PDB file of N, CA and C in Angstrom:
ATOM      1  N   MET A   1      -2.775  -7.519  15.460  1.00  0.00           N
ATOM      2  CA  MET A   1      -1.500  -7.195  14.846  1.00  0.00           C
ATOM      3  C   MET A   1      -0.740  -8.478  14.544  1.00  0.00           C
ATOM      4  N   GLY A   2       0.357  -8.342  13.802  1.00  0.00           N
ATOM      5  CA  GLY A   2       1.155  -9.495  13.494  1.00  0.00           C
ATOM      6  C   GLY A   2       0.987  -9.976  12.066  1.00  0.00           C
ATOM      7  N   ASN A   3      -0.044  -9.518  11.369  1.00  0.00           N
ATOM      8  CA  ASN A   3      -0.219  -9.899   9.974  1.00  0.00           C
ATOM      9  C   ASN A   3       0.677  -9.030   9.112  1.00  0.00           C
ATOM     10  N   GLN A   4       1.211  -9.646   8.054  1.00  0.00           N
ATOM     11  CA  GLN A   4       2.111  -8.913   7.177  1.00  0.00           C
ATOM     12  C   GLN A   4       1.865  -9.347   5.750  1.00  0.00           C
ATOM     13  N   SER A   5       1.864  -8.394   4.826  1.00  0.00           N
ATOM     14  CA  SER A   5       1.733  -8.683   3.410  1.00  0.00           C
ATOM     15  C   SER A   5       2.827  -7.939   2.666  1.00  0.00           C
ATOM     16  N   THR A   6       3.158  -8.438   1.486  1.00  0.00           N
ATOM     17  CA  THR A   6       4.190  -7.821   0.662  1.00  0.00           C
ATOM     18  C   THR A   6       3.585  -7.445  -0.680  1.00  0.00           C
ATOM     19  N   LEU A   7       3.911  -6.245  -1.146  1.00  0.00           N
ATOM     20  CA  LEU A   7       3.480  -5.796  -2.465  1.00  0.00           C
ATOM     21  C   LEU A   7       4.693  -5.722  -3.380  1.00  0.00           C
ATOM     22  N   ASN A   8       4.571  -6.268  -4.587  1.00  0.00           N
ATOM     23  CA  ASN A   8       5.634  -6.150  -5.577  1.00  0.00           C
ATOM     24  C   ASN A   8       5.374  -4.878  -6.381  1.00  0.00           C
ATOM     25  N   LEU A   9       6.227  -3.884  -6.204  1.00  0.00           N
ATOM     26  CA  LEU A   9       6.052  -2.594  -6.866  1.00  0.00           C
ATOM     27  C   LEU A   9       7.002  -2.419  -8.040  1.00  0.00           C
ATOM     28  N   ALA A  10       7.666  -3.479  -8.463  1.00  0.00           N
ATOM     29  CA  ALA A  10       8.681  -3.381  -9.505  1.00  0.00           C
ATOM     30  C   ALA A  10       8.102  -2.882 -10.831  1.00  0.00           C
ATOM     31  N   ASN A  11       6.857  -3.226 -11.133  1.00  0.00           N
ATOM     32  CA  ASN A  11       6.278  -2.854 -12.426  1.00  0.00           C
ATOM     33  C   ASN A  11       5.578  -1.504 -12.412  1.00  0.00           C
ATOM     34  N   LEU A  12       5.543  -0.840 -11.262  1.00  0.00           N
ATOM     35  CA  LEU A  12       4.902   0.472 -11.187  1.00  0.00           C
ATOM     36  C   LEU A  12       5.842   1.556 -11.688  1.00  0.00           C
ATOM     37  N   SER A  13       5.297   2.510 -12.415  1.00  0.00           N
ATOM     38  CA  SER A  13       6.074   3.669 -12.832  1.00  0.00           C
ATOM     39  C   SER A  13       6.299   4.577 -11.638  1.00  0.00           C
ATOM     40  N   ALA A  14       7.318   5.429 -11.742  1.00  0.00           N
ATOM     41  CA  ALA A  14       7.570   6.403 -10.684  1.00  0.00           C
ATOM     42  C   ALA A  14       6.369   7.328 -10.573  1.00  0.00           C
ATOM     43  N   GLY A  15       6.023   7.682  -9.347  1.00  0.00           N
ATOM     44  CA  GLY A  15       4.892   8.574  -9.134  1.00  0.00           C
ATOM     45  C   GLY A  15       4.355   8.454  -7.730  1.00  0.00           C
ATOM     46  N   VAL A  16       3.218   9.093  -7.522  1.00  0.00           N
ATOM     47  CA  VAL A  16       2.557   9.084  -6.218  1.00  0.00           C
ATOM     48  C   VAL A  16       1.310   8.216  -6.334  1.00  0.00           C
ATOM     49  N   TYR A  17       1.150   7.302  -5.405  1.00  0.00           N
ATOM     50  CA  TYR A  17       0.022   6.383  -5.397  1.00  0.00           C
ATOM     51  C   TYR A  17      -0.702   6.481  -4.062  1.00  0.00           C
ATOM     52  N   ILE A  18      -1.999   6.311  -4.091  1.00  0.00           N
ATOM     53  CA  ILE A  18      -2.808   6.240  -2.881  1.00  0.00           C
ATOM     54  C   ILE A  18      -3.240   4.784  -2.728  1.00  0.00           C
ATOM     55  N   ILE A  19      -2.931   4.202  -1.572  1.00  0.00           N
ATOM     56  CA  ILE A  19      -3.229   2.793  -1.325  1.00  0.00           C
ATOM     57  C   ILE A  19      -4.252   2.690  -0.202  1.00  0.00           C
ATOM     58  N   LYS A  20      -5.308   1.946  -0.443  1.00  0.00           N
ATOM     59  CA  LYS A  20      -6.314   1.691   0.589  1.00  0.00           C
ATOM     60  C   LYS A  20      -6.138   0.249   1.054  1.00  0.00           C
ATOM     61  N   ILE A  21      -5.870   0.084   2.346  1.00  0.00           N
ATOM     62  CA  ILE A  21      -5.607  -1.227   2.935  1.00  0.00           C
ATOM     63  C   ILE A  21      -6.797  -1.606   3.806  1.00  0.00           C
ATOM     64  N   TYR A  22      -7.465  -2.691   3.445  1.00  0.00           N
ATOM     65  CA  TYR A  22      -8.620  -3.161   4.211  1.00  0.00           C
ATOM     66  C   TYR A  22      -8.161  -4.130   5.293  1.00  0.00           C
ATOM     67  N   THR A  23      -8.675  -3.943   6.502  1.00  0.00           N
ATOM     68  CA  THR A  23      -8.366  -4.828   7.620  1.00  0.00           C
ATOM     69  C   THR A  23      -9.677  -5.319   8.223  1.00  0.00           C
ATOM     70  N   ASN A  24      -9.578  -6.173   9.221  1.00  0.00           N
ATOM     71  CA  ASN A  24     -10.780  -6.666   9.900  1.00  0.00           C
ATOM     72  C   ASN A  24     -11.516  -5.558  10.630  1.00  0.00           C
ATOM     73  N   SER A  25     -10.805  -4.509  11.019  1.00  0.00           N
ATOM     74  CA  SER A  25     -11.423  -3.430  11.792  1.00  0.00           C
ATOM     75  C   SER A  25     -11.716  -2.190  10.954  1.00  0.00           C
ATOM     76  N   GLY A  26     -11.600  -2.275   9.639  1.00  0.00           N
ATOM     77  CA  GLY A  26     -11.872  -1.121   8.780  1.00  0.00           C
ATOM     78  C   GLY A  26     -10.825  -1.026   7.689  1.00  0.00           C
ATOM     79  N   PHE A  27     -10.412   0.211   7.383  1.00  0.00           N
ATOM     80  CA  PHE A  27      -9.383   0.377   6.367  1.00  0.00           C
ATOM     81  C   PHE A  27      -8.512   1.579   6.697  1.00  0.00           C
ATOM     82  N   VAL A  28      -7.328   1.584   6.069  1.00  0.00           N
ATOM     83  CA  VAL A  28      -6.355   2.657   6.242  1.00  0.00           C
ATOM     84  C   VAL A  28      -5.964   3.131   4.853  1.00  0.00           C
ATOM     85  N   VAL A  29      -5.816   4.437   4.665  1.00  0.00           N
ATOM     86  CA  VAL A  29      -5.373   4.998   3.397  1.00  0.00           C
ATOM     87  C   VAL A  29      -3.964   5.545   3.591  1.00  0.00           C
ATOM     88  N   LYS A  30      -3.048   5.138   2.713  1.00  0.00           N
ATOM     89  CA  LYS A  30      -1.654   5.572   2.790  1.00  0.00           C
ATOM     90  C   LYS A  30      -1.214   6.129   1.444  1.00  0.00           C
ATOM     91  N   LYS A  31      -0.318   7.104   1.492  1.00  0.00           N
ATOM     92  CA  LYS A  31       0.277   7.649   0.276  1.00  0.00           C
ATOM     93  C   LYS A  31       1.633   6.986   0.069  1.00  0.00           C
ATOM     94  N   LEU A  32       1.880   6.500  -1.148  1.00  0.00           N
ATOM     95  CA  LEU A  32       3.134   5.853  -1.493  1.00  0.00           C
ATOM     96  C   LEU A  32       3.802   6.668  -2.589  1.00  0.00           C
ATOM     97  N   ILE A  33       5.066   7.003  -2.389  1.00  0.00           N
ATOM     98  CA  ILE A  33       5.835   7.733  -3.397  1.00  0.00           C
ATOM     99  C   ILE A  33       6.931   6.808  -3.904  1.00  0.00           C
ATOM    100  N   LYS A  34       6.891   6.499  -5.205  1.00  0.00           N
ATOM    101  CA  LYS A  34       7.937   5.672  -5.808  1.00  0.00           C
ATOM    102  C   LYS A  34       8.779   6.559  -6.703  1.00  0.00           C
ATOM    103  N   GLN A  35      10.080   6.547  -6.479  1.00  0.00           N
ATOM    104  CA  GLN A  35      10.990   7.396  -7.268  1.00  0.00           C
ATOM    105  C   GLN A  35      11.607   6.628  -8.407  1.00  0.00           C
TER     106      GLN A  35
END
């Protein structure tokens, strides 16, 4: 733990996005809702 990244979402249109985050121990899938 302790690692941090930033995503610039300013150019994304409003909607629902599925994000897959790869880590050293595998990956995590998250749902992102931009209004």
